[in-house]
Amino acid sequence: MGATGLSANPGEYRARLAEQDDSQIDAWAAELMRDTAIRRGVVRVVTDFRRAARLGEKDFERVFASGGGAPATLGRDAQGNLVIPSIMLHTLVSGVRSQTPDGRERLVDFLVASFEEFVYA
């Protein structure tokens, strides 16, 4: 994607993502999580990631822990939203890969679902 610029629409973006290797998908997903958390907060990242990756709360907890996140740091905010430390968002990438047979597809789904967010960044 680098030299050709960002895709014009989510469909084109998905097609371009299909051409990337796993390490690039992982890096972009982790960077998107970090950048979104800075601008919009961890709750937004967790909510968006869970939706795109099709993870219930228990599945999310398993993905977080298997990616290297300390289970004791997973909690809820005052409104009851599931939260993790922002510095540990990257663990979701390796966690979803290790805990789901279609981890790459779920990461691509997260990137595509966040297309508008990514364009903003």
N, C-alpha and C. Protein backbone atom coordinates (compact mmCIF):
# COMPACT_ATOMS: atom_id res chain seq x y z
N MET A 1 0.81 -1.19 0.00
CA MET A 1 0.00 0.00 0.00
C MET A 1 0.85 1.26 0.00
N GLY A 2 2.01 1.24 0.60
CA GLY A 2 2.81 2.42 0.81
C GLY A 2 2.89 3.39 -0.34
N ALA A 3 3.47 2.99 -1.47
CA ALA A 3 3.68 3.91 -2.58
C ALA A 3 2.40 4.25 -3.31
N THR A 4 1.39 3.43 -3.19
CA THR A 4 0.15 3.66 -3.95
C THR A 4 -0.87 4.46 -3.17
N GLY A 5 -0.62 4.74 -1.91
CA GLY A 5 -1.56 5.51 -1.11
C GLY A 5 -2.67 4.65 -0.54
N LEU A 6 -3.49 5.26 0.27
CA LEU A 6 -4.59 4.54 0.90
C LEU A 6 -5.68 4.25 -0.12
N SER A 7 -6.36 3.19 0.07
CA SER A 7 -7.42 2.77 -0.86
C SER A 7 -8.57 3.76 -0.87
N ALA A 8 -9.31 3.75 -1.96
CA ALA A 8 -10.43 4.67 -2.13
C ALA A 8 -11.67 4.26 -1.34
N ASN A 9 -11.80 2.97 -1.05
CA ASN A 9 -12.99 2.49 -0.35
C ASN A 9 -12.64 1.21 0.41
N PRO A 10 -13.51 0.78 1.31
CA PRO A 10 -13.21 -0.42 2.11
C PRO A 10 -12.98 -1.68 1.28
N GLY A 11 -13.69 -1.84 0.17
CA GLY A 11 -13.51 -3.03 -0.67
C GLY A 11 -12.12 -3.08 -1.28
N GLU A 12 -11.68 -1.96 -1.80
CA GLU A 12 -10.33 -1.88 -2.36
C GLU A 12 -9.29 -2.09 -1.27
N TYR A 13 -9.55 -1.52 -0.09
CA TYR A 13 -8.64 -1.68 1.05
C TYR A 13 -8.51 -3.15 1.41
N ARG A 14 -9.62 -3.87 1.48
CA ARG A 14 -9.58 -5.30 1.80
C ARG A 14 -8.75 -6.05 0.75
N ALA A 15 -8.92 -5.72 -0.50
CA ALA A 15 -8.15 -6.38 -1.57
C ALA A 15 -6.66 -6.10 -1.42
N ARG A 16 -6.31 -4.89 -1.06
CA ARG A 16 -4.89 -4.55 -0.86
C ARG A 16 -4.33 -5.25 0.38
N LEU A 17 -5.14 -5.36 1.41
CA LEU A 17 -4.69 -6.07 2.60
C LEU A 17 -4.40 -7.53 2.30
N ALA A 18 -5.17 -8.12 1.41
CA ALA A 18 -4.97 -9.53 1.04
C ALA A 18 -3.58 -9.75 0.44
N GLU A 19 -3.00 -8.73 -0.12
CA GLU A 19 -1.67 -8.83 -0.74
C GLU A 19 -0.53 -8.72 0.27
N GLN A 20 -0.84 -8.34 1.50
CA GLN A 20 0.19 -8.11 2.52
C GLN A 20 0.51 -9.39 3.28
N ASP A 21 1.74 -9.46 3.79
CA ASP A 21 2.10 -10.62 4.59
C ASP A 21 1.58 -10.44 6.02
N ASP A 22 1.61 -11.53 6.77
CA ASP A 22 1.06 -11.53 8.13
C ASP A 22 1.70 -10.48 9.03
N SER A 23 3.00 -10.32 8.94
CA SER A 23 3.67 -9.37 9.83
C SER A 23 3.19 -7.94 9.57
N GLN A 24 2.90 -7.62 8.33
CA GLN A 24 2.40 -6.28 8.01
C GLN A 24 0.98 -6.09 8.53
N ILE A 25 0.14 -7.09 8.37
CA ILE A 25 -1.24 -7.02 8.91
C ILE A 25 -1.18 -6.83 10.42
N ASP A 26 -0.33 -7.60 11.09
CA ASP A 26 -0.20 -7.50 12.54
C ASP A 26 0.25 -6.11 12.96
N ALA A 27 1.25 -5.59 12.27
CA ALA A 27 1.77 -4.26 12.61
C ALA A 27 0.70 -3.19 12.42
N TRP A 28 -0.01 -3.25 11.30
CA TRP A 28 -1.04 -2.24 11.07
C TRP A 28 -2.18 -2.33 12.08
N ALA A 29 -2.56 -3.55 12.45
CA ALA A 29 -3.64 -3.71 13.43
C ALA A 29 -3.20 -3.14 14.79
N ALA A 30 -1.98 -3.44 15.21
CA ALA A 30 -1.48 -2.93 16.49
C ALA A 30 -1.36 -1.41 16.46
N GLU A 31 -0.88 -0.87 15.35
CA GLU A 31 -0.76 0.59 15.22
C GLU A 31 -2.12 1.26 15.24
N LEU A 32 -3.08 0.66 14.57
CA LEU A 32 -4.43 1.22 14.55
C LEU A 32 -5.02 1.23 15.96
N MET A 33 -4.81 0.15 16.71
CA MET A 33 -5.29 0.10 18.09
C MET A 33 -4.68 1.23 18.91
N ARG A 34 -3.37 1.39 18.80
CA ARG A 34 -2.67 2.43 19.55
C ARG A 34 -3.18 3.82 19.17
N ASP A 35 -3.25 4.10 17.87
CA ASP A 35 -3.66 5.42 17.42
C ASP A 35 -5.10 5.74 17.79
N THR A 36 -5.97 4.75 17.68
CA THR A 36 -7.37 4.96 18.04
C THR A 36 -7.51 5.18 19.54
N ALA A 37 -6.75 4.44 20.33
CA ALA A 37 -6.80 4.61 21.79
C ALA A 37 -6.37 6.02 22.19
N ILE A 38 -5.38 6.55 21.50
CA ILE A 38 -4.91 7.91 21.80
C ILE A 38 -6.02 8.93 21.53
N ARG A 39 -6.69 8.79 20.41
CA ARG A 39 -7.70 9.76 20.01
C ARG A 39 -9.07 9.52 20.64
N ARG A 40 -9.46 8.24 20.77
CA ARG A 40 -10.84 7.95 21.14
C ARG A 40 -10.98 7.09 22.38
N GLY A 41 -9.88 6.57 22.90
CA GLY A 41 -9.92 5.81 24.13
C GLY A 41 -9.89 4.30 23.96
N VAL A 42 -9.50 3.63 25.02
CA VAL A 42 -9.38 2.17 25.02
C VAL A 42 -10.73 1.50 24.86
N VAL A 43 -11.76 2.06 25.47
CA VAL A 43 -13.09 1.45 25.37
C VAL A 43 -13.50 1.32 23.91
N ARG A 44 -13.23 2.35 23.13
CA ARG A 44 -13.57 2.32 21.71
C ARG A 44 -12.81 1.21 20.98
N VAL A 45 -11.53 1.07 21.28
CA VAL A 45 -10.72 0.03 20.64
C VAL A 45 -11.24 -1.35 21.01
N VAL A 46 -11.48 -1.57 22.28
CA VAL A 46 -11.96 -2.88 22.74
C VAL A 46 -13.30 -3.19 22.10
N THR A 47 -14.20 -2.24 22.09
CA THR A 47 -15.53 -2.44 21.50
C THR A 47 -15.42 -2.74 20.01
N ASP A 48 -14.66 -1.93 19.30
CA ASP A 48 -14.52 -2.13 17.85
C ASP A 48 -13.83 -3.45 17.53
N PHE A 49 -12.80 -3.78 18.29
CA PHE A 49 -12.07 -5.02 18.04
C PHE A 49 -12.96 -6.23 18.31
N ARG A 50 -13.67 -6.21 19.43
CA ARG A 50 -14.57 -7.33 19.75
C ARG A 50 -15.61 -7.53 18.66
N ARG A 51 -16.17 -6.44 18.18
CA ARG A 51 -17.21 -6.53 17.14
C ARG A 51 -16.62 -7.09 15.84
N ALA A 52 -15.52 -6.51 15.37
CA ALA A 52 -14.92 -6.93 14.10
C ALA A 52 -14.37 -8.35 14.17
N ALA A 53 -13.80 -8.72 15.32
CA ALA A 53 -13.21 -10.05 15.46
C ALA A 53 -14.21 -11.09 15.95
N ARG A 54 -15.45 -10.65 16.15
CA ARG A 54 -16.52 -11.56 16.57
C ARG A 54 -16.17 -12.30 17.86
N LEU A 55 -15.85 -11.52 18.89
CA LEU A 55 -15.44 -12.10 20.17
C LEU A 55 -16.41 -11.70 21.27
N GLY A 56 -16.97 -12.68 21.93
CA GLY A 56 -17.73 -12.41 23.14
C GLY A 56 -16.77 -12.03 24.26
N GLU A 57 -17.31 -11.70 25.42
CA GLU A 57 -16.44 -11.27 26.52
C GLU A 57 -15.46 -12.36 26.94
N LYS A 58 -15.92 -13.57 27.10
CA LYS A 58 -15.03 -14.66 27.52
C LYS A 58 -13.97 -14.94 26.46
N ASP A 59 -14.37 -14.91 25.19
CA ASP A 59 -13.40 -15.10 24.10
C ASP A 59 -12.37 -13.98 24.10
N PHE A 60 -12.82 -12.75 24.32
CA PHE A 60 -11.91 -11.61 24.38
C PHE A 60 -10.89 -11.80 25.50
N GLU A 61 -11.37 -12.21 26.67
CA GLU A 61 -10.48 -12.45 27.80
C GLU A 61 -9.43 -13.51 27.47
N ARG A 62 -9.86 -14.58 26.80
CA ARG A 62 -8.94 -15.65 26.41
C ARG A 62 -7.91 -15.15 25.40
N VAL A 63 -8.36 -14.37 24.43
CA VAL A 63 -7.46 -13.80 23.42
C VAL A 63 -6.45 -12.87 24.08
N PHE A 64 -6.92 -12.02 24.97
CA PHE A 64 -6.05 -11.09 25.68
C PHE A 64 -4.98 -11.84 26.47
N ALA A 65 -5.39 -12.82 27.24
CA ALA A 65 -4.44 -13.58 28.07
C ALA A 65 -3.47 -14.40 27.22
N SER A 66 -3.95 -15.02 26.17
CA SER A 66 -3.06 -15.85 25.36
C SER A 66 -2.07 -15.01 24.56
N GLY A 67 -2.40 -13.75 24.32
CA GLY A 67 -1.47 -12.85 23.64
C GLY A 67 -0.42 -12.26 24.55
N GLY A 68 -0.55 -12.52 25.85
CA GLY A 68 0.44 -12.02 26.80
C GLY A 68 -0.09 -10.99 27.77
N GLY A 69 -1.37 -10.69 27.67
CA GLY A 69 -1.96 -9.74 28.61
C GLY A 69 -2.21 -10.40 29.96
N ALA A 70 -1.91 -9.68 31.02
CA ALA A 70 -2.13 -10.22 32.36
C ALA A 70 -3.62 -10.19 32.68
N PRO A 71 -4.23 -11.36 32.92
CA PRO A 71 -5.67 -11.41 33.18
C PRO A 71 -6.11 -10.48 34.31
N ALA A 72 -5.25 -10.27 35.30
CA ALA A 72 -5.62 -9.42 36.43
C ALA A 72 -5.77 -7.95 36.03
N THR A 73 -5.24 -7.56 34.85
CA THR A 73 -5.34 -6.17 34.41
C THR A 73 -6.58 -5.91 33.57
N LEU A 74 -7.30 -6.94 33.22
CA LEU A 74 -8.54 -6.80 32.48
C LEU A 74 -9.63 -6.41 33.47
N GLY A 75 -10.42 -5.41 33.13
CA GLY A 75 -11.45 -4.99 34.07
C GLY A 75 -12.56 -4.23 33.38
N ARG A 76 -13.26 -3.43 34.17
CA ARG A 76 -14.38 -2.63 33.66
C ARG A 76 -14.24 -1.21 34.16
N ASP A 77 -14.70 -0.28 33.32
CA ASP A 77 -14.69 1.11 33.73
C ASP A 77 -15.96 1.39 34.54
N ALA A 78 -16.15 2.64 34.94
CA ALA A 78 -17.30 3.02 35.77
C ALA A 78 -18.64 2.76 35.09
N GLN A 79 -18.65 2.74 33.76
CA GLN A 79 -19.88 2.47 33.01
C GLN A 79 -20.08 0.99 32.71
N GLY A 80 -19.15 0.16 33.16
CA GLY A 80 -19.27 -1.28 32.95
C GLY A 80 -18.65 -1.79 31.66
N ASN A 81 -17.95 -0.92 30.93
CA ASN A 81 -17.29 -1.33 29.69
C ASN A 81 -16.03 -2.14 29.98
N LEU A 82 -15.81 -3.16 29.20
CA LEU A 82 -14.62 -3.98 29.29
C LEU A 82 -13.41 -3.14 28.89
N VAL A 83 -12.35 -3.15 29.70
CA VAL A 83 -11.14 -2.38 29.41
C VAL A 83 -9.89 -3.19 29.73
N ILE A 84 -8.82 -2.83 29.03
CA ILE A 84 -7.49 -3.36 29.31
C ILE A 84 -6.53 -2.17 29.28
N PRO A 85 -5.34 -2.32 29.85
CA PRO A 85 -4.38 -1.22 29.79
C PRO A 85 -4.01 -0.91 28.33
N SER A 86 -3.96 0.35 27.99
CA SER A 86 -3.67 0.73 26.60
C SER A 86 -2.33 0.19 26.13
N ILE A 87 -1.39 0.07 27.01
CA ILE A 87 -0.07 -0.44 26.64
C ILE A 87 -0.11 -1.92 26.28
N MET A 88 -1.22 -2.59 26.58
CA MET A 88 -1.35 -4.02 26.29
C MET A 88 -2.26 -4.32 25.10
N LEU A 89 -2.73 -3.31 24.41
CA LEU A 89 -3.61 -3.54 23.26
C LEU A 89 -2.97 -4.45 22.22
N HIS A 90 -1.68 -4.31 22.02
CA HIS A 90 -0.98 -5.10 21.00
C HIS A 90 -1.09 -6.60 21.25
N THR A 91 -1.33 -7.01 22.49
CA THR A 91 -1.44 -8.44 22.79
C THR A 91 -2.64 -9.08 22.11
N LEU A 92 -3.61 -8.26 21.73
CA LEU A 92 -4.80 -8.79 21.06
C LEU A 92 -4.45 -9.37 19.69
N VAL A 93 -3.42 -8.83 19.06
CA VAL A 93 -3.03 -9.31 17.73
C VAL A 93 -2.53 -10.75 17.80
N SER A 94 -1.53 -10.99 18.63
CA SER A 94 -1.01 -12.36 18.74
C SER A 94 -2.04 -13.28 19.38
N GLY A 95 -2.84 -12.74 20.28
CA GLY A 95 -3.87 -13.54 20.93
C GLY A 95 -4.93 -14.03 19.98
N VAL A 96 -5.41 -13.17 19.10
CA VAL A 96 -6.45 -13.59 18.16
C VAL A 96 -5.88 -14.58 17.15
N ARG A 97 -4.61 -14.43 16.83
CA ARG A 97 -3.98 -15.39 15.92
C ARG A 97 -3.85 -16.77 16.57
N SER A 98 -3.51 -16.78 17.86
CA SER A 98 -3.30 -18.07 18.52
C SER A 98 -4.59 -18.76 18.94
N GLN A 99 -5.65 -18.00 19.12
CA GLN A 99 -6.88 -18.57 19.67
C GLN A 99 -8.00 -18.77 18.66
N THR A 100 -7.81 -18.29 17.45
CA THR A 100 -8.84 -18.47 16.43
C THR A 100 -8.19 -19.01 15.16
N PRO A 101 -8.81 -19.96 14.51
CA PRO A 101 -8.21 -20.53 13.30
C PRO A 101 -8.16 -19.54 12.13
N ASP A 102 -8.98 -18.51 12.21
CA ASP A 102 -9.02 -17.50 11.15
C ASP A 102 -8.55 -16.14 11.67
N GLY A 103 -7.50 -16.16 12.48
CA GLY A 103 -7.00 -14.93 13.10
C GLY A 103 -6.66 -13.84 12.10
N ARG A 104 -6.01 -14.21 11.01
CA ARG A 104 -5.66 -13.21 10.00
C ARG A 104 -6.93 -12.54 9.46
N GLU A 105 -7.94 -13.33 9.13
CA GLU A 105 -9.20 -12.78 8.61
C GLU A 105 -9.83 -11.82 9.62
N ARG A 106 -9.77 -12.17 10.88
CA ARG A 106 -10.37 -11.31 11.90
C ARG A 106 -9.60 -10.00 12.03
N LEU A 107 -8.28 -10.05 11.90
CA LEU A 107 -7.49 -8.82 11.93
C LEU A 107 -7.79 -7.96 10.71
N VAL A 108 -7.91 -8.60 9.56
CA VAL A 108 -8.27 -7.86 8.35
C VAL A 108 -9.67 -7.25 8.51
N ASP A 109 -10.59 -8.01 9.08
CA ASP A 109 -11.94 -7.48 9.33
C ASP A 109 -11.88 -6.25 10.24
N PHE A 110 -11.01 -6.30 11.25
CA PHE A 110 -10.85 -5.15 12.16
C PHE A 110 -10.31 -3.94 11.39
N LEU A 111 -9.30 -4.17 10.57
CA LEU A 111 -8.73 -3.06 9.79
C LEU A 111 -9.77 -2.47 8.84
N VAL A 112 -10.50 -3.33 8.15
CA VAL A 112 -11.50 -2.85 7.19
C VAL A 112 -12.65 -2.15 7.92
N ALA A 113 -13.09 -2.71 9.04
CA ALA A 113 -14.16 -2.08 9.81
C ALA A 113 -13.74 -0.71 10.33
N SER A 114 -12.46 -0.52 10.48
CA SER A 114 -11.92 0.75 10.98
C SER A 114 -11.44 1.65 9.85
N PHE A 115 -11.85 1.35 8.63
CA PHE A 115 -11.37 2.09 7.46
C PHE A 115 -11.52 3.60 7.64
N GLU A 116 -12.68 4.04 8.06
CA GLU A 116 -12.89 5.49 8.24
C GLU A 116 -11.97 6.04 9.31
N GLU A 117 -11.75 5.29 10.36
CA GLU A 117 -10.83 5.70 11.42
C GLU A 117 -9.42 5.79 10.88
N PHE A 118 -9.06 4.82 10.07
CA PHE A 118 -7.72 4.77 9.49
C PHE A 118 -7.49 5.93 8.54
N VAL A 119 -8.50 6.27 7.76
CA VAL A 119 -8.40 7.39 6.84
C VAL A 119 -8.19 8.67 7.64
N TYR A 120 -8.87 8.79 8.77
CA TYR A 120 -8.75 9.98 9.61
C TYR A 120 -7.33 10.14 10.13
N ALA A 121 -6.73 9.00 10.53
CA ALA A 121 -5.37 9.06 11.10
C ALA A 121 -4.40 9.51 10.04
